[in-house]
Amino acid sequence: MAGTTSNTALQITSSLSKLQSLNGLFAIYKKRGPTSADVLNALKEALLKEAGEQNPNPRKRKKQSLKIGHGGTLDSAASGVLVVGVGNGTKMLSTMLAGSKKYVAVGELGKATDTLDATGSVILEKDFEHITRLDIEEKLQSFTGDIMQVPPLYSALKKDGQRLSDLLKKGHKVEVKPARPVTVYSLTLQGFEPPLFTLDIECGGGFYVRSLVDDLGKALSSCAHVKELIRTKQGQFTLEEHVLHEEQWTLEHILHTLQPC
C-alpha cells in the first residue's frame, strides 16, 4: 500500500513538473458566454487537476504553480481563437495583442444597443430598407487602412484600474475615450440578407469590431449592432487548424500544438 501511494505521488510530481516546464504559445477555443478570464481559469483548473493538484484555485495569485495568460480579450458574447501563453510564453503575449487578427462578424441593421452588441439593451431603432449591398460595400472603403476609431464604452479598457464595462454596470458615469489610430488590413462584405450582413475583417491591435459596425450603421443613415462575432485567426493561430476545444485541454494535446519560445 505504501509503495502504491509513493508511486502515485511520484506520478503527480512528474505531471506537475512537465506542466510547469512548458514555455510557449498555443490556442484554445473560446465559446460564447464566459469571459476570456473565465475560460483561462477553466483551462488552468483542468490542467492542474490532470497534474494531480487537489482543489486547484486558478484565481489564486500567491505562489502560482502555473504561469499562464491570454493574448487579447474576446467579448463574452464572442467566440473563436484565444491565444494562451504558458511559462515564458506569457512574455510573448504582447506581440499577440498588437498583431494581426481576423474576424467574421454578423451585424444587424436598424437597431443600436448600449453595448454595441446583442447583449445590450436597444437604445435606438431606425429604418434600413433604403440600404443596398452596394451602399455597404462603398462605405466599407472608408473604414479600411489606417483610421481613427472611438472605443466602445462597454470594453476591457480601464479607468483608475477598473474596467469601463464594470464601472458602467455599477452605475458610474464614464466619459467616452478619445478616438485612437487603428489599422484595418482588409474589410469585405460576405453576405447581405437585410437586416443582417456579414463582414470578413482583418485588423491590427486595439481595433473594436463593435465600434466598426456601430459606425457603419451611422454612415448608412441608419444604425447597427453586432449580432455574432467569431475570431478566426490571431497571429499564426487559426480556428480551423490550431485551436484546442475543451475536451482537448490536456497536457498531451498542448505538447503537440505548443509553439515554443
C-alpha atoms as a PDB file:
ATOM      1  CA  MET A   1       0.000   0.000   0.000  1.00  0.00           C
ATOM      2  CA  ALA A   2       2.823   2.379   0.936  1.00  0.00           C
ATOM      3  CA  GLY A   3       4.548   1.590  -2.357  1.00  0.00           C
ATOM      4  CA  THR A   4       1.375   2.387  -4.343  1.00  0.00           C
ATOM      5  CA  THR A   5       0.963   5.709  -2.534  1.00  0.00           C
ATOM      6  CA  SER A   6       4.614   6.545  -3.185  1.00  0.00           C
ATOM      7  CA  ASN A   7       4.282   5.745  -6.915  1.00  0.00           C
ATOM      8  CA  THR A   8       1.130   7.887  -7.197  1.00  0.00           C
ATOM      9  CA  ALA A   9       2.906  10.789  -5.514  1.00  0.00           C
ATOM     10  CA  LEU A  10       5.818  10.454  -7.934  1.00  0.00           C
ATOM     11  CA  GLN A  11       3.441  10.425 -10.920  1.00  0.00           C
ATOM     12  CA  ILE A  12       1.707  13.576  -9.658  1.00  0.00           C
ATOM     13  CA  THR A  13       5.057  15.307  -9.104  1.00  0.00           C
ATOM     14  CA  SER A  14       6.191  14.280 -12.585  1.00  0.00           C
ATOM     15  CA  SER A  15       2.977  15.521 -14.243  1.00  0.00           C
ATOM     16  CA  LEU A  16       3.129  18.847 -12.416  1.00  0.00           C
ATOM     17  CA  SER A  17       6.815  19.243 -13.313  1.00  0.00           C
ATOM     18  CA  LYS A  18       6.038  18.654 -17.003  1.00  0.00           C
ATOM     19  CA  LEU A  19       3.229  21.210 -16.822  1.00  0.00           C
ATOM     20  CA  GLN A  20       5.444  23.779 -15.103  1.00  0.00           C
ATOM     21  CA  SER A  21       8.219  23.226 -17.656  1.00  0.00           C
ATOM     22  CA  LEU A  22       6.014  24.342 -20.577  1.00  0.00           C
ATOM     23  CA  ASN A  23       7.176  27.551 -22.283  1.00  0.00           C
ATOM     24  CA  GLY A  24       5.401  28.847 -25.357  1.00  0.00           C
ATOM     25  CA  LEU A  25       2.113  29.721 -27.038  1.00  0.00           C
ATOM     26  CA  PHE A  26      -0.932  27.698 -28.063  1.00  0.00           C
ATOM     27  CA  ALA A  27      -4.548  28.470 -28.916  1.00  0.00           C
ATOM     28  CA  ILE A  28      -7.828  27.345 -27.392  1.00  0.00           C
ATOM     29  CA  TYR A  29     -11.446  27.727 -28.486  1.00  0.00           C
ATOM     30  CA  LYS A  30     -13.472  30.239 -26.504  1.00  0.00           C
ATOM     31  CA  LYS A  31     -17.200  29.566 -26.654  1.00  0.00           C
ATOM     32  CA  ARG A  32     -19.892  32.233 -26.386  1.00  0.00           C
ATOM     33  CA  GLY A  33     -20.929  33.167 -22.839  1.00  0.00           C
ATOM     34  CA  PRO A  34     -17.963  33.138 -20.461  1.00  0.00           C
ATOM     35  CA  THR A  35     -15.398  35.928 -20.313  1.00  0.00           C
ATOM     36  CA  SER A  36     -11.873  35.334 -21.611  1.00  0.00           C
ATOM     37  CA  ALA A  37     -10.666  35.330 -17.991  1.00  0.00           C
ATOM     38  CA  ASP A  38     -13.260  32.677 -17.069  1.00  0.00           C
ATOM     39  CA  VAL A  39     -12.108  30.473 -19.954  1.00  0.00           C
ATOM     40  CA  LEU A  40      -8.457  30.868 -18.963  1.00  0.00           C
ATOM     41  CA  ASN A  41      -9.249  29.934 -15.357  1.00  0.00           C
ATOM     42  CA  ALA A  42     -11.187  26.852 -16.526  1.00  0.00           C
ATOM     43  CA  LEU A  43      -8.193  25.800 -18.656  1.00  0.00           C
ATOM     44  CA  LYS A  44      -5.798  26.289 -15.763  1.00  0.00           C
ATOM     45  CA  GLU A  45      -8.035  24.343 -13.396  1.00  0.00           C
ATOM     46  CA  ALA A  46      -8.339  21.448 -15.873  1.00  0.00           C
ATOM     47  CA  LEU A  47      -4.559  21.240 -16.311  1.00  0.00           C
ATOM     48  CA  LEU A  48      -3.815  21.403 -12.580  1.00  0.00           C
ATOM     49  CA  LYS A  49      -6.421  18.734 -11.852  1.00  0.00           C
ATOM     50  CA  GLU A  50      -4.883  16.484 -14.508  1.00  0.00           C
ATOM     51  CA  ALA A  51      -1.498  17.047 -12.866  1.00  0.00           C
ATOM     52  CA  GLY A  52      -2.933  15.845  -9.556  1.00  0.00           C
ATOM     53  CA  GLU A  53      -3.359  19.086  -7.618  1.00  0.00           C
ATOM     54  CA  GLN A  54      -6.164  18.778  -5.105  1.00  0.00           C
ATOM     55  CA  ASN A  55      -8.819  21.527  -5.283  1.00  0.00           C
ATOM     56  CA  PRO A  56      -6.775  23.864  -7.501  1.00  0.00           C
ATOM     57  CA  ASN A  57      -7.797  27.527  -7.312  1.00  0.00           C
ATOM     58  CA  PRO A  58      -6.972  29.094 -10.702  1.00  0.00           C
ATOM     59  CA  ARG A  59      -7.578  32.612  -9.358  1.00  0.00           C
ATOM     60  CA  LYS A  60      -5.061  32.246  -6.531  1.00  0.00           C
ATOM     61  CA  ARG A  61      -2.120  34.550  -7.265  1.00  0.00           C
ATOM     62  CA  LYS A  62       0.162  33.706  -4.343  1.00  0.00           C
ATOM     63  CA  LYS A  63       2.725  31.016  -5.113  1.00  0.00           C
ATOM     64  CA  GLN A  64       1.253  30.275  -8.525  1.00  0.00           C
ATOM     65  CA  SER A  65       2.054  26.720  -9.590  1.00  0.00           C
ATOM     66  CA  LEU A  66       1.311  27.503 -13.248  1.00  0.00           C
ATOM     67  CA  LYS A  67       2.135  30.757 -15.041  1.00  0.00           C
ATOM     68  CA  ILE A  68      -0.473  31.320 -17.754  1.00  0.00           C
ATOM     69  CA  GLY A  69      -2.136  34.227 -19.577  1.00  0.00           C
ATOM     70  CA  HIS A  70      -4.068  35.094 -22.745  1.00  0.00           C
ATOM     71  CA  GLY A  71      -3.125  37.335 -25.656  1.00  0.00           C
ATOM     72  CA  GLY A  72      -6.195  39.505 -26.127  1.00  0.00           C
ATOM     73  CA  THR A  73      -9.683  39.671 -24.631  1.00  0.00           C
ATOM     74  CA  LEU A  74     -12.623  38.320 -26.601  1.00  0.00           C
ATOM     75  CA  ASP A  75     -16.020  39.746 -25.610  1.00  0.00           C
ATOM     76  CA  SER A  76     -18.140  37.331 -23.573  1.00  0.00           C
ATOM     77  CA  ALA A  77     -20.644  37.133 -26.454  1.00  0.00           C
ATOM     78  CA  ALA A  78     -17.863  36.349 -28.954  1.00  0.00           C
ATOM     79  CA  SER A  79     -16.263  33.008 -29.765  1.00  0.00           C
ATOM     80  CA  GLY A  80     -13.174  31.720 -31.529  1.00  0.00           C
ATOM     81  CA  VAL A  81      -9.396  31.807 -31.199  1.00  0.00           C
ATOM     82  CA  LEU A  82      -7.941  32.715 -27.801  1.00  0.00           C
ATOM     83  CA  VAL A  83      -4.126  32.596 -27.745  1.00  0.00           C
ATOM     84  CA  VAL A  84      -2.631  31.360 -24.477  1.00  0.00           C
ATOM     85  CA  GLY A  85       0.891  31.857 -23.175  1.00  0.00           C
ATOM     86  CA  VAL A  86       2.378  29.456 -20.629  1.00  0.00           C
ATOM     87  CA  GLY A  87       5.621  29.873 -18.677  1.00  0.00           C
ATOM     88  CA  ASN A  88       7.971  32.218 -20.525  1.00  0.00           C
ATOM     89  CA  GLY A  89       5.407  32.273 -23.327  1.00  0.00           C
ATOM     90  CA  THR A  90       3.458  34.848 -21.296  1.00  0.00           C
ATOM     91  CA  LYS A  91       6.207  37.346 -22.192  1.00  0.00           C
ATOM     92  CA  MET A  92       5.307  36.911 -25.871  1.00  0.00           C
ATOM     93  CA  LEU A  93       1.637  37.784 -25.416  1.00  0.00           C
ATOM     94  CA  SER A  94       2.182  41.499 -26.047  1.00  0.00           C
ATOM     95  CA  THR A  95       3.020  40.648 -29.669  1.00  0.00           C
ATOM     96  CA  MET A  96      -0.330  38.822 -29.893  1.00  0.00           C
ATOM     97  CA  LEU A  97      -2.157  41.903 -28.599  1.00  0.00           C
ATOM     98  CA  ALA A  98      -0.520  44.131 -31.200  1.00  0.00           C
ATOM     99  CA  GLY A  99      -0.526  41.636 -34.065  1.00  0.00           C
ATOM    100  CA  SER A 100      -2.969  40.794 -36.847  1.00  0.00           C
ATOM    101  CA  LYS A 101      -6.383  39.277 -36.104  1.00  0.00           C
ATOM    102  CA  LYS A 102      -9.205  38.053 -38.323  1.00  0.00           C
ATOM    103  CA  TYR A 103     -12.911  38.089 -37.525  1.00  0.00           C
ATOM    104  CA  VAL A 104     -16.241  37.165 -39.047  1.00  0.00           C
ATOM    105  CA  ALA A 105     -18.949  39.484 -37.784  1.00  0.00           C
ATOM    106  CA  VAL A 106     -22.694  39.368 -38.328  1.00  0.00           C
ATOM    107  CA  GLY A 107     -24.287  42.795 -37.945  1.00  0.00           C
ATOM    108  CA  GLU A 108     -27.944  43.722 -37.673  1.00  0.00           C
ATOM    109  CA  LEU A 109     -29.202  46.934 -39.250  1.00  0.00           C
ATOM    110  CA  GLY A 110     -31.964  49.065 -37.765  1.00  0.00           C
ATOM    111  CA  LYS A 111     -31.193  48.592 -34.072  1.00  0.00           C
ATOM    112  CA  ALA A 112     -28.477  50.143 -31.885  1.00  0.00           C
ATOM    113  CA  THR A 113     -27.682  48.873 -28.381  1.00  0.00           C
ATOM    114  CA  ASP A 114     -25.837  50.413 -25.435  1.00  0.00           C
ATOM    115  CA  THR A 115     -23.108  47.734 -25.595  1.00  0.00           C
ATOM    116  CA  LEU A 116     -22.960  47.800 -29.435  1.00  0.00           C
ATOM    117  CA  ASP A 117     -23.749  44.060 -29.490  1.00  0.00           C
ATOM    118  CA  ALA A 118     -26.685  41.731 -28.869  1.00  0.00           C
ATOM    119  CA  THR A 119     -26.048  41.511 -25.105  1.00  0.00           C
ATOM    120  CA  GLY A 120     -27.146  45.112 -24.576  1.00  0.00           C
ATOM    121  CA  SER A 121     -30.442  46.990 -24.461  1.00  0.00           C
ATOM    122  CA  VAL A 122     -31.849  48.521 -27.643  1.00  0.00           C
ATOM    123  CA  ILE A 123     -31.498  52.316 -27.390  1.00  0.00           C
ATOM    124  CA  LEU A 124     -32.390  53.305 -30.957  1.00  0.00           C
ATOM    125  CA  GLU A 125     -34.334  51.933 -33.923  1.00  0.00           C
ATOM    126  CA  LYS A 126     -34.124  53.355 -37.456  1.00  0.00           C
ATOM    127  CA  ASP A 127     -35.227  52.403 -40.957  1.00  0.00           C
ATOM    128  CA  PHE A 128     -32.818  50.346 -43.038  1.00  0.00           C
ATOM    129  CA  GLU A 129     -34.904  49.499 -46.137  1.00  0.00           C
ATOM    130  CA  HIS A 130     -33.017  52.092 -48.191  1.00  0.00           C
ATOM    131  CA  ILE A 131     -29.671  50.306 -47.739  1.00  0.00           C
ATOM    132  CA  THR A 132     -28.337  48.188 -50.610  1.00  0.00           C
ATOM    133  CA  ARG A 133     -25.399  45.799 -50.847  1.00  0.00           C
ATOM    134  CA  LEU A 134     -23.562  48.373 -52.964  1.00  0.00           C
ATOM    135  CA  ASP A 135     -24.133  51.044 -50.288  1.00  0.00           C
ATOM    136  CA  ILE A 136     -22.422  48.874 -47.684  1.00  0.00           C
ATOM    137  CA  GLU A 137     -19.524  47.968 -49.964  1.00  0.00           C
ATOM    138  CA  GLU A 138     -18.910  51.635 -50.772  1.00  0.00           C
ATOM    139  CA  LYS A 139     -18.994  52.706 -47.107  1.00  0.00           C
ATOM    140  CA  LEU A 140     -16.613  49.907 -46.092  1.00  0.00           C
ATOM    141  CA  GLN A 141     -13.865  51.531 -48.155  1.00  0.00           C
ATOM    142  CA  SER A 142     -13.725  54.468 -45.720  1.00  0.00           C
ATOM    143  CA  PHE A 143     -13.125  52.054 -42.828  1.00  0.00           C
ATOM    144  CA  THR A 144     -10.140  50.352 -44.492  1.00  0.00           C
ATOM    145  CA  GLY A 145      -6.483  51.247 -43.891  1.00  0.00           C
ATOM    146  CA  ASP A 146      -5.223  53.473 -41.094  1.00  0.00           C
ATOM    147  CA  ILE A 147      -8.281  55.029 -39.462  1.00  0.00           C
ATOM    148  CA  MET A 148      -9.313  56.716 -36.215  1.00  0.00           C
ATOM    149  CA  GLN A 149     -11.744  54.788 -34.014  1.00  0.00           C
ATOM    150  CA  VAL A 150     -13.556  55.595 -30.768  1.00  0.00           C
ATOM    151  CA  PRO A 151     -13.553  52.517 -28.466  1.00  0.00           C
ATOM    152  CA  PRO A 152     -16.900  51.349 -27.045  1.00  0.00           C
ATOM    153  CA  LEU A 153     -17.873  52.425 -23.519  1.00  0.00           C
ATOM    154  CA  TYR A 154     -18.510  48.786 -22.632  1.00  0.00           C
ATOM    155  CA  SER A 155     -14.975  47.459 -23.056  1.00  0.00           C
ATOM    156  CA  ALA A 156     -11.950  45.980 -21.319  1.00  0.00           C
ATOM    157  CA  LEU A 157     -10.285  49.408 -21.288  1.00  0.00           C
ATOM    158  CA  LYS A 158      -9.676  50.677 -17.772  1.00  0.00           C
ATOM    159  CA  LYS A 159     -10.089  53.844 -15.729  1.00  0.00           C
ATOM    160  CA  ASP A 160      -8.382  54.057 -12.330  1.00  0.00           C
ATOM    161  CA  GLY A 161      -7.664  50.326 -12.514  1.00  0.00           C
ATOM    162  CA  GLN A 162     -11.268  49.305 -13.202  1.00  0.00           C
ATOM    163  CA  ARG A 163     -12.795  48.150 -16.486  1.00  0.00           C
ATOM    164  CA  LEU A 164     -15.106  50.675 -18.119  1.00  0.00           C
ATOM    165  CA  SER A 165     -17.745  47.958 -18.540  1.00  0.00           C
ATOM    166  CA  ASP A 166     -17.647  47.186 -14.793  1.00  0.00           C
ATOM    167  CA  LEU A 167     -17.935  50.880 -13.888  1.00  0.00           C
ATOM    168  CA  LEU A 168     -20.988  51.262 -16.149  1.00  0.00           C
ATOM    169  CA  LYS A 169     -22.672  48.203 -14.629  1.00  0.00           C
ATOM    170  CA  LYS A 170     -22.173  49.765 -11.180  1.00  0.00           C
ATOM    171  CA  GLY A 171     -23.969  52.903 -12.334  1.00  0.00           C
ATOM    172  CA  HIS A 172     -20.908  55.157 -12.655  1.00  0.00           C
ATOM    173  CA  LYS A 173     -20.703  57.751 -15.403  1.00  0.00           C
ATOM    174  CA  VAL A 174     -17.934  57.016 -17.882  1.00  0.00           C
ATOM    175  CA  GLU A 175     -16.543  59.510 -20.347  1.00  0.00           C
ATOM    176  CA  VAL A 176     -16.118  58.492 -23.951  1.00  0.00           C
ATOM    177  CA  LYS A 177     -12.495  57.649 -24.718  1.00  0.00           C
ATOM    178  CA  PRO A 178     -10.895  59.768 -27.449  1.00  0.00           C
ATOM    179  CA  ALA A 179     -10.526  58.342 -30.951  1.00  0.00           C
ATOM    180  CA  ARG A 180      -7.284  56.461 -31.476  1.00  0.00           C
ATOM    181  CA  PRO A 181      -5.444  55.166 -34.536  1.00  0.00           C
ATOM    182  CA  VAL A 182      -6.160  51.579 -35.611  1.00  0.00           C
ATOM    183  CA  THR A 183      -5.399  49.615 -38.760  1.00  0.00           C
ATOM    184  CA  VAL A 184      -7.784  47.606 -40.927  1.00  0.00           C
ATOM    185  CA  TYR A 185      -5.879  45.439 -43.414  1.00  0.00           C
ATOM    186  CA  SER A 186      -8.938  44.096 -45.227  1.00  0.00           C
ATOM    187  CA  LEU A 187     -12.693  44.509 -44.897  1.00  0.00           C
ATOM    188  CA  THR A 188     -15.186  42.760 -47.163  1.00  0.00           C
ATOM    189  CA  LEU A 189     -18.916  42.149 -47.235  1.00  0.00           C
ATOM    190  CA  GLN A 190     -19.510  38.391 -47.332  1.00  0.00           C
ATOM    191  CA  GLY A 191     -23.292  38.337 -47.111  1.00  0.00           C
ATOM    192  CA  PHE A 192     -26.305  40.660 -47.102  1.00  0.00           C
ATOM    193  CA  GLU A 193     -29.785  39.475 -46.124  1.00  0.00           C
ATOM    194  CA  PRO A 194     -31.467  42.545 -44.601  1.00  0.00           C
ATOM    195  CA  PRO A 195     -31.420  43.328 -41.781  1.00  0.00           C
ATOM    196  CA  LEU A 196     -28.372  41.052 -41.401  1.00  0.00           C
ATOM    197  CA  PHE A 197     -24.982  41.490 -43.043  1.00  0.00           C
ATOM    198  CA  THR A 198     -21.732  39.539 -42.664  1.00  0.00           C
ATOM    199  CA  LEU A 199     -18.267  41.096 -42.659  1.00  0.00           C
ATOM    200  CA  ASP A 200     -14.845  39.486 -43.056  1.00  0.00           C
ATOM    201  CA  ILE A 201     -12.292  41.597 -41.180  1.00  0.00           C
ATOM    202  CA  GLU A 202      -8.518  41.574 -40.756  1.00  0.00           C
ATOM    203  CA  CYS A 203      -7.221  44.204 -38.383  1.00  0.00           C
ATOM    204  CA  GLY A 204      -4.381  45.192 -36.075  1.00  0.00           C
ATOM    205  CA  GLY A 205      -4.291  45.581 -32.300  1.00  0.00           C
ATOM    206  CA  GLY A 206      -6.711  47.829 -30.416  1.00  0.00           C
ATOM    207  CA  PHE A 207      -9.449  47.524 -33.046  1.00  0.00           C
ATOM    208  CA  TYR A 208     -13.067  47.031 -31.940  1.00  0.00           C
ATOM    209  CA  VAL A 209     -15.450  45.258 -34.329  1.00  0.00           C
ATOM    210  CA  ARG A 210     -18.411  46.558 -32.315  1.00  0.00           C
ATOM    211  CA  SER A 211     -17.324  50.153 -32.959  1.00  0.00           C
ATOM    212  CA  LEU A 212     -16.893  49.417 -36.670  1.00  0.00           C
ATOM    213  CA  VAL A 213     -20.423  48.026 -37.007  1.00  0.00           C
ATOM    214  CA  ASP A 214     -21.883  50.920 -34.998  1.00  0.00           C
ATOM    215  CA  ASP A 215     -20.012  53.483 -37.123  1.00  0.00           C
ATOM    216  CA  LEU A 216     -21.033  51.694 -40.330  1.00  0.00           C
ATOM    217  CA  GLY A 217     -24.691  51.833 -39.336  1.00  0.00           C
ATOM    218  CA  LYS A 218     -24.435  55.589 -38.776  1.00  0.00           C
ATOM    219  CA  ALA A 219     -22.596  56.075 -42.090  1.00  0.00           C
ATOM    220  CA  LEU A 220     -25.512  54.325 -43.822  1.00  0.00           C
ATOM    221  CA  SER A 221     -28.017  56.788 -42.261  1.00  0.00           C
ATOM    222  CA  SER A 222     -29.331  54.057 -40.002  1.00  0.00           C
ATOM    223  CA  CYS A 223     -27.895  52.175 -37.018  1.00  0.00           C
ATOM    224  CA  ALA A 224     -26.499  48.693 -36.361  1.00  0.00           C
ATOM    225  CA  HIS A 225     -25.066  46.376 -33.744  1.00  0.00           C
ATOM    226  CA  VAL A 226     -23.015  43.154 -33.707  1.00  0.00           C
ATOM    227  CA  LYS A 227     -25.257  40.091 -33.559  1.00  0.00           C
ATOM    228  CA  GLU A 228     -22.469  37.485 -33.716  1.00  0.00           C
ATOM    229  CA  LEU A 229     -18.679  37.677 -33.607  1.00  0.00           C
ATOM    230  CA  ILE A 230     -16.087  34.968 -34.253  1.00  0.00           C
ATOM    231  CA  ARG A 231     -12.318  35.430 -34.125  1.00  0.00           C
ATOM    232  CA  THR A 232     -10.983  33.144 -36.846  1.00  0.00           C
ATOM    233  CA  LYS A 233      -7.270  33.955 -36.602  1.00  0.00           C
ATOM    234  CA  GLN A 234      -4.800  35.574 -34.211  1.00  0.00           C
ATOM    235  CA  GLY A 235      -1.159  35.754 -35.208  1.00  0.00           C
ATOM    236  CA  GLN A 236      -0.258  32.364 -36.725  1.00  0.00           C
ATOM    237  CA  PHE A 237      -3.126  30.569 -34.947  1.00  0.00           C
ATOM    238  CA  THR A 238      -6.276  29.776 -36.947  1.00  0.00           C
ATOM    239  CA  LEU A 239      -9.680  28.489 -35.892  1.00  0.00           C
ATOM    240  CA  GLU A 240      -9.562  25.611 -38.385  1.00  0.00           C
ATOM    241  CA  GLU A 241      -6.087  24.267 -37.660  1.00  0.00           C
ATOM    242  CA  HIS A 242      -4.814  25.212 -34.235  1.00  0.00           C
ATOM    243  CA  VAL A 243      -7.430  25.660 -31.503  1.00  0.00           C
ATOM    244  CA  LEU A 244      -7.887  23.123 -28.724  1.00  0.00           C
ATOM    245  CA  HIS A 245     -11.509  22.561 -27.710  1.00  0.00           C
ATOM    246  CA  GLU A 246     -12.443  21.998 -24.080  1.00  0.00           C
ATOM    247  CA  GLU A 247     -12.192  18.204 -24.279  1.00  0.00           C
ATOM    248  CA  GLN A 248      -8.614  18.670 -25.582  1.00  0.00           C
ATOM    249  CA  TRP A 249      -7.388  20.774 -22.657  1.00  0.00           C
ATOM    250  CA  THR A 250      -4.790  18.206 -21.608  1.00  0.00           C
ATOM    251  CA  LEU A 251      -1.016  18.214 -21.256  1.00  0.00           C
ATOM    252  CA  GLU A 252      -0.693  15.766 -24.177  1.00  0.00           C
ATOM    253  CA  HIS A 253      -2.671  17.931 -26.596  1.00  0.00           C
ATOM    254  CA  ILE A 254      -0.835  21.107 -25.555  1.00  0.00           C
ATOM    255  CA  LEU A 255       2.548  19.432 -26.069  1.00  0.00           C
ATOM    256  CA  HIS A 256       1.503  18.560 -29.646  1.00  0.00           C
ATOM    257  CA  THR A 257       0.414  22.099 -30.520  1.00  0.00           C
ATOM    258  CA  LEU A 258       2.725  24.284 -28.400  1.00  0.00           C
ATOM    259  CA  GLN A 259       4.762  26.882 -30.283  1.00  0.00           C
ATOM    260  CA  PRO A 260       7.926  27.089 -28.116  1.00  0.00           C
ATOM    261  CA  CYS A 261       9.559  30.389 -27.150  1.00  0.00           C
END
